[in-house]
N, C-alpha and C. Protein backbone atom coordinates (compact mmCIF):
# COMPACT_ATOMS: atom_id res chain seq x y z
N MET A 1 0.73 -1.25 -0.02
CA MET A 1 -0.03 0.08 -0.06
C MET A 1 0.86 1.35 -0.07
N SER A 2 0.52 2.21 -0.86
CA SER A 2 1.10 3.53 -0.66
C SER A 2 0.27 4.74 -0.47
N LEU A 3 0.76 5.64 0.35
CA LEU A 3 0.09 6.87 0.66
C LEU A 3 0.91 8.02 0.07
N LEU A 4 0.10 9.00 -0.39
CA LEU A 4 0.69 10.28 -0.89
C LEU A 4 0.19 11.37 -0.26
N LEU A 5 1.28 11.74 0.79
CA LEU A 5 0.68 12.84 1.69
C LEU A 5 0.76 14.19 0.80
N PRO A 6 -0.12 15.19 1.14
CA PRO A 6 -0.18 16.53 0.65
C PRO A 6 1.13 17.14 0.37
N SER A 7 1.94 17.11 1.32
CA SER A 7 3.27 17.86 1.17
C SER A 7 4.44 17.07 0.62
N CYS A 8 3.99 15.81 0.39
CA CYS A 8 5.21 14.95 -0.24
C CYS A 8 5.01 14.62 -1.73
N ALA A 9 6.22 14.43 -2.39
CA ALA A 9 5.97 14.26 -3.76
C ALA A 9 6.28 12.62 -4.07
N PHE A 10 6.49 11.91 -2.95
CA PHE A 10 6.72 10.46 -3.06
C PHE A 10 5.77 9.59 -2.25
N ALA A 11 5.48 8.42 -2.46
CA ALA A 11 4.51 7.55 -2.00
C ALA A 11 5.26 6.78 -0.94
N VAL A 12 4.56 6.68 0.17
CA VAL A 12 4.98 5.98 1.45
C VAL A 12 4.20 4.78 1.70
N SER A 13 4.84 3.66 1.88
CA SER A 13 4.15 2.54 2.24
C SER A 13 4.02 2.32 3.53
N LEU A 14 2.65 1.97 4.10
CA LEU A 14 2.13 2.08 5.34
C LEU A 14 1.42 0.58 5.69
N SER A 15 1.50 0.22 6.73
CA SER A 15 0.82 -1.24 7.24
C SER A 15 -0.44 -0.62 7.82
N LYS A 16 -1.50 -1.35 8.07
CA LYS A 16 -2.72 -1.17 8.43
C LYS A 16 -2.67 -0.45 9.98
N ASP A 17 -1.45 -1.17 10.80
CA ASP A 17 -1.16 -0.64 12.00
C ASP A 17 -0.78 0.75 12.03
N GLU A 18 0.32 1.06 11.17
CA GLU A 18 0.71 2.51 10.86
C GLU A 18 -0.36 3.45 10.67
N ILE A 19 -1.27 2.97 9.61
CA ILE A 19 -2.50 3.81 9.43
C ILE A 19 -3.26 4.01 10.69
N LYS A 20 -3.49 2.92 11.44
CA LYS A 20 -4.42 3.42 12.55
C LYS A 20 -3.73 4.18 13.40
N LEU A 21 -2.36 4.18 13.70
CA LEU A 21 -1.55 5.22 14.62
C LEU A 21 -1.87 6.47 14.17
N LEU A 22 -1.64 6.65 12.74
CA LEU A 22 -1.81 8.05 12.15
C LEU A 22 -3.08 8.58 12.42
N LEU A 23 -4.28 7.80 12.14
CA LEU A 23 -5.54 8.02 12.37
C LEU A 23 -5.67 8.51 13.78
N GLU A 24 -5.55 7.66 14.83
CA GLU A 24 -5.38 7.95 16.23
C GLU A 24 -4.72 9.39 16.49
N ARG A 25 -3.51 9.67 15.90
CA ARG A 25 -3.02 11.16 16.15
C ARG A 25 -3.94 12.19 15.61
N LEU A 26 -4.50 12.04 14.44
CA LEU A 26 -5.31 13.02 13.86
C LEU A 26 -6.68 13.07 14.73
N ILE A 27 -7.20 12.13 15.31
CA ILE A 27 -8.20 12.18 16.16
C ILE A 27 -8.17 12.67 17.50
N PHE A 28 -7.24 11.82 18.14
CA PHE A 28 -6.99 12.08 19.62
C PHE A 28 -5.85 12.79 20.06
N HIS A 29 -5.10 13.29 18.95
CA HIS A 29 -3.91 14.09 19.26
C HIS A 29 -2.84 13.17 20.00
N ASP A 30 -2.40 13.86 21.18
CA ASP A 30 -1.41 12.92 21.81
C ASP A 30 -1.88 11.96 22.95
N ASP A 31 -3.47 12.07 23.22
CA ASP A 31 -3.82 10.94 23.98
C ASP A 31 -4.04 9.79 23.41
N ARG A 32 -4.00 8.71 24.38
CA ARG A 32 -4.50 7.33 23.99
C ARG A 32 -5.95 7.42 23.86
N PRO A 33 -6.44 6.81 23.04
CA PRO A 33 -7.96 6.73 22.76
C PRO A 33 -8.74 6.45 24.12
N GLN A 34 -8.42 5.49 24.80
CA GLN A 34 -8.97 5.15 26.13
C GLN A 34 -9.05 6.37 27.09
N ASP A 35 -7.76 7.03 27.09
CA ASP A 35 -7.59 8.21 28.14
C ASP A 35 -8.61 9.27 27.63
N TRP A 36 -8.71 9.38 26.21
CA TRP A 36 -9.54 10.56 25.84
C TRP A 36 -11.06 10.27 26.27
N VAL A 37 -11.34 9.04 26.06
CA VAL A 37 -12.94 8.58 26.71
C VAL A 37 -12.93 8.86 28.28
N GLN A 38 -12.01 8.57 28.84
CA GLN A 38 -11.96 8.79 30.42
C GLN A 38 -12.06 10.39 30.69
N ASP A 39 -11.17 11.05 29.97
CA ASP A 39 -11.27 12.33 30.03
C ASP A 39 -12.61 13.15 29.76
N VAL A 40 -13.41 12.64 28.61
CA VAL A 40 -14.74 13.15 28.29
C VAL A 40 -15.60 12.72 29.46
N TRP A 41 -15.38 11.36 29.86
CA TRP A 41 -16.45 10.81 30.93
C TRP A 41 -16.10 11.61 32.20
N GLY A 42 -14.90 12.21 32.54
CA GLY A 42 -14.79 12.99 33.83
C GLY A 42 -15.46 14.30 33.53
N MET A 43 -15.70 14.73 32.33
CA MET A 43 -16.50 15.98 32.20
C MET A 43 -18.07 15.78 32.22
N SER A 44 -18.44 14.68 31.71
CA SER A 44 -19.78 14.48 31.62
C SER A 44 -19.94 12.97 31.18
N PRO A 45 -20.70 12.08 32.28
CA PRO A 45 -21.09 10.87 31.99
C PRO A 45 -21.67 10.60 30.71
N THR A 46 -22.71 11.44 30.58
CA THR A 46 -23.44 11.24 29.09
C THR A 46 -22.52 11.34 27.98
N LEU A 47 -21.74 12.27 27.92
CA LEU A 47 -21.06 12.19 26.85
C LEU A 47 -19.99 11.48 26.92
N GLY A 48 -19.53 10.80 28.01
CA GLY A 48 -18.34 9.77 28.16
C GLY A 48 -18.79 8.54 27.56
N GLU A 49 -20.30 8.29 27.74
CA GLU A 49 -20.76 7.16 27.04
C GLU A 49 -20.89 7.23 25.54
N THR A 50 -21.14 8.42 25.05
CA THR A 50 -21.14 8.67 23.70
C THR A 50 -19.58 8.49 23.24
N ALA A 51 -18.72 9.12 23.78
CA ALA A 51 -17.27 8.82 23.42
C ALA A 51 -16.95 7.31 23.47
N ALA A 52 -17.22 6.58 24.41
CA ALA A 52 -16.93 5.39 24.36
C ALA A 52 -17.53 4.50 23.19
N LYS A 53 -18.75 4.90 23.03
CA LYS A 53 -19.36 4.24 21.72
C LYS A 53 -18.70 4.62 20.49
N LEU A 54 -18.37 5.89 20.36
CA LEU A 54 -17.66 6.54 19.14
C LEU A 54 -16.28 5.68 18.97
N LEU A 55 -15.58 5.41 20.22
CA LEU A 55 -14.28 4.76 20.10
C LEU A 55 -14.56 3.19 19.57
N GLU A 56 -15.61 2.52 20.01
CA GLU A 56 -15.87 1.16 19.66
C GLU A 56 -16.14 0.96 18.09
N VAL A 57 -16.92 2.25 17.65
CA VAL A 57 -17.08 2.20 16.32
C VAL A 57 -15.86 2.47 15.47
N TYR A 58 -15.09 3.27 16.03
CA TYR A 58 -13.84 3.62 15.27
C TYR A 58 -12.81 2.30 15.30
N GLU A 59 -12.81 1.66 16.39
CA GLU A 59 -11.97 0.39 16.45
C GLU A 59 -12.58 -0.63 15.34
N ALA A 60 -14.08 -0.92 15.20
CA ALA A 60 -14.56 -1.74 14.55
C ALA A 60 -14.29 -1.29 12.93
N LEU A 61 -14.20 -0.13 12.63
CA LEU A 61 -14.07 0.44 11.24
C LEU A 61 -12.58 0.06 10.93
N VAL A 62 -11.53 0.22 11.70
CA VAL A 62 -10.31 -0.03 11.51
C VAL A 62 -10.09 -1.50 11.33
N GLU A 63 -10.70 -2.19 12.05
CA GLU A 63 -10.78 -3.81 11.91
C GLU A 63 -11.13 -4.39 10.77
N TYR A 64 -12.41 -3.76 10.17
CA TYR A 64 -13.15 -4.47 9.14
C TYR A 64 -12.77 -3.64 7.95
N CYS A 65 -12.19 -2.64 7.95
CA CYS A 65 -11.98 -1.86 6.44
C CYS A 65 -10.45 -2.43 6.08
N SER A 66 -10.49 -2.48 4.55
CA SER A 66 -9.32 -2.75 4.01
C SER A 66 -8.08 -2.01 4.19
N GLU A 67 -6.97 -2.12 3.88
CA GLU A 67 -5.69 -1.17 4.07
C GLU A 67 -6.03 -0.13 3.06
N GLU A 68 -6.64 -0.32 1.82
CA GLU A 68 -6.87 0.58 0.90
C GLU A 68 -8.05 1.56 1.21
N GLN A 69 -8.94 0.97 1.90
CA GLN A 69 -9.97 1.99 2.37
C GLN A 69 -9.55 2.99 3.58
N LEU A 70 -8.75 2.37 4.52
CA LEU A 70 -8.16 3.12 5.44
C LEU A 70 -7.20 4.08 4.76
N GLU A 71 -6.43 3.60 3.84
CA GLU A 71 -5.48 4.57 3.21
C GLU A 71 -6.24 5.81 2.75
N ASN A 72 -7.21 5.48 1.91
CA ASN A 72 -8.31 6.61 1.12
C ASN A 72 -8.66 7.48 2.38
N LEU A 73 -9.12 6.93 3.35
CA LEU A 73 -9.55 7.72 4.59
C LEU A 73 -8.60 8.87 5.25
N LEU A 74 -7.44 8.10 5.29
CA LEU A 74 -6.32 8.73 5.99
C LEU A 74 -5.81 10.03 5.00
N GLN A 75 -5.87 9.62 3.83
CA GLN A 75 -5.12 10.77 2.73
C GLN A 75 -6.24 11.79 2.57
N SER A 76 -7.52 11.41 2.67
CA SER A 76 -8.55 12.36 2.38
C SER A 76 -8.58 13.35 3.70
N THR A 77 -8.27 12.69 4.97
CA THR A 77 -8.45 13.43 6.09
C THR A 77 -7.18 14.28 6.18
N TYR A 78 -5.95 13.80 5.64
CA TYR A 78 -4.76 14.62 5.89
C TYR A 78 -5.12 15.98 4.83
N GLN A 79 -5.61 15.53 3.62
CA GLN A 79 -5.73 16.81 2.72
C GLN A 79 -6.76 17.80 3.31
N ASP A 80 -7.92 17.32 3.88
CA ASP A 80 -8.80 18.38 4.33
C ASP A 80 -8.33 19.14 5.74
N SER A 81 -7.34 18.44 6.31
CA SER A 81 -6.75 19.30 7.59
C SER A 81 -5.69 20.11 7.02
N TRP A 82 -4.93 19.88 5.85
CA TRP A 82 -3.98 20.80 5.33
C TRP A 82 -4.73 22.13 4.63
N GLU A 83 -5.83 21.82 3.95
CA GLU A 83 -6.56 23.02 3.32
C GLU A 83 -7.20 23.88 4.30
N SER A 84 -7.43 23.46 5.55
CA SER A 84 -8.36 24.28 6.29
C SER A 84 -7.21 24.97 7.41
């Protein structure tokens, strides 16, 4: 698999695990996903439940999507974040 990042003129080969880590950095910044859920839960248990469900869905998507689908998601997400 290859990924063409917006600022790069070359393709980078990434594994599914590497793509997952990059997506987690985009979504959760420097926090671990579980820590993010706990932080949200600490602010509001209702929102914490929603955050936990979102994390479950994210993990399921990463598990069930192909590397190509995840690559496309990552590439479009990076492009969107660089354009804004």
